Amino acid sequence: MRYKDEDEIKHALGIDSWRNLSKDKMIRFVAMMPDMGTEVALKIIEQFPAFKDFALDVVDAMKKSHESTLSTNQQSQEHVHRAFQDFRDTLKNELDKGDLTWEQRWQIIEKMQEAVREESQKDSENKQFLDGALKKVLVLGGAAVALGVAFVGGRVMAEGKDGPEESLEA
């Protein structure tokens, strides 16, 4: 484990006290959890009385940010597709002119094909962007769930430390 105690973790997060743990630093804390000893992580989490609420706020902020990104992306994509359609319509109008030579017509057709290829490329780029955005949300959402599980697990372990003999006697 890379982080052996709370002080190392606070230093890595750039905070003096757990009260200074912002939402951004909370996400960094979650990302650091695999490099912490289980007992160290649970000891830190136990210090947050409203840890679940804080984690839910982080997830809600991530959701809003993701929705905003998707909305902006959708508007941008619609603009790109409209621009390509306008360009193809202009080229089609040029093709409808009766006084074009075969060579001029062929050049216009090639431009139309090129526009279709470019639009297809933009669509592929957008799908890659969306895939990357979804992966980020899934990672951060998974981290929030892991925090919740760690929090619940820590409480169960803490409660279990109080009475393992009781369960043997019963």
Protein backbone atom coordinates (compact mmCIF):
# COMPACT_ATOMS: atom_id res chain seq x y z
CA MET A 1 0.00 0.00 0.00
CA ARG A 2 1.27 3.41 -0.99
CA TYR A 3 -0.44 5.37 1.80
CA LYS A 4 0.23 4.03 5.27
CA ASP A 5 -1.57 6.60 7.42
CA GLU A 6 -3.99 9.51 7.43
CA ASP A 7 -1.27 12.15 7.43
CA GLU A 8 0.20 10.83 4.15
CA ILE A 9 -3.25 10.91 2.58
CA LYS A 10 -4.00 14.45 3.82
CA HIS A 11 -0.62 15.60 2.50
CA ALA A 12 -1.32 13.99 -0.91
CA LEU A 13 -4.71 15.73 -1.03
CA GLY A 14 -3.18 19.05 0.04
CA ILE A 15 -5.39 19.45 3.12
CA ASP A 16 -4.64 20.01 6.82
CA SER A 17 -7.89 18.58 8.14
CA TRP A 18 -10.66 16.31 6.87
CA ARG A 19 -12.98 19.31 7.24
CA ASN A 20 -11.19 20.79 4.21
CA LEU A 21 -12.19 17.88 1.98
CA SER A 22 -14.06 19.47 -0.95
CA LYS A 23 -16.04 17.56 -3.59
CA ASP A 24 -13.06 17.66 -5.95
CA LYS A 25 -10.74 16.36 -3.26
CA MET A 26 -13.34 13.73 -2.33
CA ILE A 27 -13.13 12.37 -5.88
CA ARG A 28 -9.33 12.31 -5.58
CA PHE A 29 -9.68 10.56 -2.22
CA VAL A 30 -11.85 7.88 -3.81
CA ALA A 31 -9.31 7.41 -6.61
CA MET A 32 -6.58 6.97 -3.97
CA MET A 33 -8.49 4.32 -2.00
CA PRO A 34 -6.94 1.32 -3.79
CA ASP A 35 -3.53 2.57 -2.58
CA MET A 36 -4.66 2.72 1.06
CA GLY A 37 -4.79 0.05 3.67
CA THR A 38 -8.37 -0.99 4.40
CA GLU A 39 -8.14 0.00 8.06
CA VAL A 40 -6.72 3.43 7.18
CA ALA A 41 -9.49 4.07 4.64
CA LEU A 42 -12.20 2.93 7.06
CA LYS A 43 -10.73 5.04 9.88
CA ILE A 44 -10.90 8.12 7.64
CA ILE A 45 -14.43 7.39 6.42
CA GLU A 46 -15.66 6.89 10.00
CA GLN A 47 -14.75 10.54 10.66
CA PHE A 48 -17.45 11.70 8.24
CA PRO A 49 -20.85 11.65 9.95
CA ALA A 50 -22.59 12.72 6.73
CA PHE A 51 -20.33 10.78 4.38
CA LYS A 52 -23.20 9.22 2.44
CA ASP A 53 -24.80 12.62 1.84
CA PHE A 54 -21.48 14.06 0.74
CA ALA A 55 -20.90 11.17 -1.70
CA LEU A 56 -24.42 11.57 -3.08
CA ASP A 57 -23.77 15.29 -3.63
CA VAL A 58 -20.63 14.40 -5.57
CA VAL A 59 -22.57 11.92 -7.71
CA ASP A 60 -25.33 14.49 -8.31
CA ALA A 61 -22.76 17.11 -9.39
CA MET A 62 -21.18 14.57 -11.77
CA LYS A 63 -24.60 13.74 -13.21
CA LYS A 64 -25.44 17.40 -13.84
CA SER A 65 -22.07 18.00 -15.46
CA HIS A 66 -22.48 14.93 -17.68
CA GLU A 67 -26.01 15.96 -18.71
CA SER A 68 -24.76 19.46 -19.58
CA THR A 69 -21.94 17.98 -21.66
CA LEU A 70 -24.36 15.70 -23.53
CA SER A 71 -26.77 18.57 -24.20
CA THR A 72 -24.03 20.82 -25.56
CA ASN A 73 -22.68 17.96 -27.64
CA GLN A 74 -26.14 17.25 -29.10
CA GLN A 75 -26.57 20.89 -30.14
CA SER A 76 -23.11 20.92 -31.70
CA GLN A 77 -23.81 17.71 -33.63
CA GLU A 78 -27.10 19.07 -34.93
CA HIS A 79 -25.30 22.21 -36.13
CA VAL A 80 -22.64 20.14 -37.93
CA HIS A 81 -25.23 17.93 -39.65
CA ARG A 82 -27.27 20.99 -40.73
CA ALA A 83 -24.13 22.61 -42.18
CA PHE A 84 -23.27 19.47 -44.15
CA GLN A 85 -26.86 19.19 -45.38
CA ASP A 86 -26.84 22.83 -46.52
CA PHE A 87 -23.59 22.18 -48.37
CA ARG A 88 -25.01 19.10 -50.11
CA ASP A 89 -28.19 21.02 -51.02
CA THR A 90 -26.05 23.76 -52.58
CA LEU A 91 -24.09 21.20 -54.58
CA LYS A 92 -27.33 19.50 -55.66
CA ASN A 93 -28.66 22.84 -56.91
CA GLU A 94 -25.46 23.27 -58.90
CA LEU A 95 -25.94 19.81 -60.42
CA ASP A 96 -29.47 20.76 -61.50
CA LYS A 97 -28.09 23.47 -63.77
CA GLY A 98 -28.32 22.37 -67.36
CA ASP A 99 -25.23 24.11 -68.69
CA LEU A 100 -22.58 22.06 -66.84
CA THR A 101 -20.02 19.93 -68.60
CA TRP A 102 -19.56 16.28 -67.64
CA GLU A 103 -16.28 17.24 -65.92
CA GLN A 104 -17.99 19.95 -63.85
CA ARG A 105 -20.73 17.53 -62.85
CA TRP A 106 -18.14 14.93 -61.83
CA GLN A 107 -16.32 17.51 -59.65
CA ILE A 108 -19.57 18.38 -57.87
CA ILE A 109 -20.37 14.69 -57.31
CA GLU A 110 -16.87 14.16 -55.87
CA LYS A 111 -17.40 17.11 -53.51
CA MET A 112 -20.70 15.60 -52.38
CA GLN A 113 -19.00 12.25 -51.71
CA GLU A 114 -16.22 14.00 -49.81
CA ALA A 115 -18.80 15.85 -47.69
CA VAL A 116 -20.54 12.56 -46.86
CA ARG A 117 -17.19 11.01 -45.83
CA GLU A 118 -16.35 14.03 -43.66
CA GLU A 119 -19.76 13.95 -41.99
CA SER A 120 -19.35 10.24 -41.32
CA GLN A 121 -15.93 10.93 -39.78
CA LYS A 122 -17.42 13.63 -37.54
CA ASP A 123 -20.12 11.18 -36.46
CA SER A 124 -17.47 8.58 -35.59
CA GLU A 125 -15.49 11.16 -33.62
CA ASN A 126 -18.65 12.09 -31.72
CA LYS A 127 -19.33 8.46 -30.85
CA GLN A 128 -15.78 8.15 -29.50
CA PHE A 129 -16.31 11.31 -27.45
CA LEU A 130 -19.57 9.96 -26.02
CA ASP A 131 -17.91 6.62 -25.24
CA GLY A 132 -15.13 8.41 -23.36
CA ALA A 133 -17.61 10.58 -21.48
CA LEU A 134 -19.66 7.54 -20.49
CA LYS A 135 -16.56 5.72 -19.26
CA LYS A 136 -15.64 8.69 -17.05
CA VAL A 137 -19.11 8.77 -15.54
CA LEU A 138 -19.05 5.02 -14.95
CA VAL A 139 -15.64 5.21 -13.25
CA LEU A 140 -16.68 8.11 -11.02
CA GLY A 141 -20.06 6.54 -10.30
CA GLY A 142 -18.36 3.26 -9.46
CA ALA A 143 -16.01 5.11 -7.16
CA ALA A 144 -18.97 6.70 -5.36
CA VAL A 145 -20.58 3.29 -4.97
CA ALA A 146 -17.28 1.94 -3.66
CA LEU A 147 -17.24 4.74 -1.12
CA GLY A 148 -20.73 3.84 -0.02
CA VAL A 149 -19.80 0.17 0.28
CA ALA A 150 -16.64 1.07 2.18
CA PHE A 151 -18.65 3.29 4.50
CA VAL A 152 -21.25 0.61 5.18
CA GLY A 153 -18.52 -2.02 5.49
CA GLY A 154 -16.66 0.16 7.95
CA ARG A 155 -19.73 0.54 10.11
CA VAL A 156 -20.39 -3.20 10.00
CA MET A 157 -16.77 -3.93 10.92
CA ALA A 158 -16.86 -1.33 13.70
CA GLU A 159 -20.06 -2.82 15.08
CA GLY A 160 -18.63 -6.32 14.73
CA LYS A 161 -15.54 -5.35 16.77
CA ASP A 162 -17.77 -4.62 19.74
CA GLY A 163 -19.08 -8.13 20.11
CA PRO A 164 -17.57 -11.07 18.24
CA GLU A 165 -17.84 -13.14 21.43
CA GLU A 166 -21.56 -12.43 21.62
CA SER A 167 -22.15 -14.07 18.26
CA LEU A 168 -20.25 -17.16 19.44
CA GLU A 169 -22.26 -17.39 22.65
CA ALA A 170 -25.64 -17.05 20.95
